[in-house]
Amino acid sequence: MSGATAAAPATSAATGVAHAGVTDATGPLPYSVLVFRDPANIQLELMWTAAPE
């Protein structure tokens, strides 16, 4: 998980934005995602993928 992805839940909790927490997945590519909704109830997702080695 990147630093920005790791900090997002704490930032959104401090502002009162409900979220599902960070989900880490490994396949088919490693990635992390943070899902939340804006005040109009539109779902938004922040995703981070690792650079290929």
C-alpha atoms as a PDB file:
ATOM      1  CA  MET A   1       0.000   0.000   0.000  1.00  0.00           C
ATOM      2  CA  SER A   2       1.374   3.404  -0.904  1.00  0.00           C
ATOM      3  CA  GLY A   3       1.716   6.258   1.565  1.00  0.00           C
ATOM      4  CA  ALA A   4      -1.122   8.192  -0.092  1.00  0.00           C
ATOM      5  CA  THR A   5      -3.447   5.172  -0.047  1.00  0.00           C
ATOM      6  CA  ALA A   6      -2.526   4.443   3.561  1.00  0.00           C
ATOM      7  CA  ALA A   7      -3.262   8.041   4.640  1.00  0.00           C
ATOM      8  CA  ALA A   8      -6.614   8.322   2.827  1.00  0.00           C
ATOM      9  CA  PRO A   9      -8.721   6.426   5.416  1.00  0.00           C
ATOM     10  CA  ALA A  10      -7.432   8.608   8.269  1.00  0.00           C
ATOM     11  CA  THR A  11      -8.058  11.773   6.256  1.00  0.00           C
ATOM     12  CA  SER A  12     -11.577  10.727   5.256  1.00  0.00           C
ATOM     13  CA  ALA A  13     -12.423   9.670   8.835  1.00  0.00           C
ATOM     14  CA  ALA A  14     -11.302  13.071  10.128  1.00  0.00           C
ATOM     15  CA  THR A  15     -13.665  14.793   7.668  1.00  0.00           C
ATOM     16  CA  GLY A  16     -16.611  12.479   8.372  1.00  0.00           C
ATOM     17  CA  VAL A  17     -16.573  10.640   5.029  1.00  0.00           C
ATOM     18  CA  ALA A  18     -17.695   7.028   5.394  1.00  0.00           C
ATOM     19  CA  HIS A  19     -15.562   4.476   3.550  1.00  0.00           C
ATOM     20  CA  ALA A  20     -15.090   0.738   3.256  1.00  0.00           C
ATOM     21  CA  GLY A  21     -11.413   0.800   4.251  1.00  0.00           C
ATOM     22  CA  VAL A  22      -8.440  -0.078   2.089  1.00  0.00           C
ATOM     23  CA  THR A  23      -8.679  -3.387   0.255  1.00  0.00           C
ATOM     24  CA  ASP A  24      -5.438  -4.998  -0.946  1.00  0.00           C
ATOM     25  CA  ALA A  25      -5.556  -7.543  -3.781  1.00  0.00           C
ATOM     26  CA  THR A  26      -2.841  -9.597  -5.432  1.00  0.00           C
ATOM     27  CA  GLY A  27      -4.315 -10.898  -8.656  1.00  0.00           C
ATOM     28  CA  PRO A  28      -4.161 -10.637 -11.502  1.00  0.00           C
ATOM     29  CA  LEU A  29      -2.068  -7.537 -10.612  1.00  0.00           C
ATOM     30  CA  PRO A  30      -1.280  -6.235  -7.116  1.00  0.00           C
ATOM     31  CA  TYR A  31      -3.381  -3.187  -6.227  1.00  0.00           C
ATOM     32  CA  SER A  32      -5.059  -1.372  -3.348  1.00  0.00           C
ATOM     33  CA  VAL A  33      -8.439   0.372  -3.491  1.00  0.00           C
ATOM     34  CA  LEU A  34     -10.366   2.691  -1.175  1.00  0.00           C
ATOM     35  CA  VAL A  35     -14.112   2.978  -1.911  1.00  0.00           C
ATOM     36  CA  PHE A  36     -16.230   5.861  -0.597  1.00  0.00           C
ATOM     37  CA  ARG A  37     -19.260   7.981  -1.564  1.00  0.00           C
ATOM     38  CA  ASP A  38     -19.539  11.724  -2.071  1.00  0.00           C
ATOM     39  CA  PRO A  39     -22.357  13.836  -0.552  1.00  0.00           C
ATOM     40  CA  ALA A  40     -24.537  13.108  -3.630  1.00  0.00           C
ATOM     41  CA  ASN A  41     -24.098   9.347  -2.908  1.00  0.00           C
ATOM     42  CA  ILE A  42     -21.911   8.802  -5.995  1.00  0.00           C
ATOM     43  CA  GLN A  43     -19.408   6.007  -5.455  1.00  0.00           C
ATOM     44  CA  LEU A  44     -15.762   6.970  -5.908  1.00  0.00           C
ATOM     45  CA  GLU A  45     -12.700   4.727  -5.828  1.00  0.00           C
ATOM     46  CA  LEU A  46      -9.045   5.560  -5.259  1.00  0.00           C
ATOM     47  CA  MET A  47      -6.799   2.888  -6.726  1.00  0.00           C
ATOM     48  CA  TRP A  48      -3.066   2.345  -6.533  1.00  0.00           C
ATOM     49  CA  THR A  49      -1.029  -0.226  -8.452  1.00  0.00           C
ATOM     50  CA  ALA A  50       2.623  -1.042  -8.052  1.00  0.00           C
ATOM     51  CA  ALA A  51       5.016  -0.323 -10.875  1.00  0.00           C
ATOM     52  CA  PRO A  52       6.243  -3.459 -12.646  1.00  0.00           C
ATOM     53  CA  GLU A  53       9.585  -4.679 -11.377  1.00  0.00           C
END
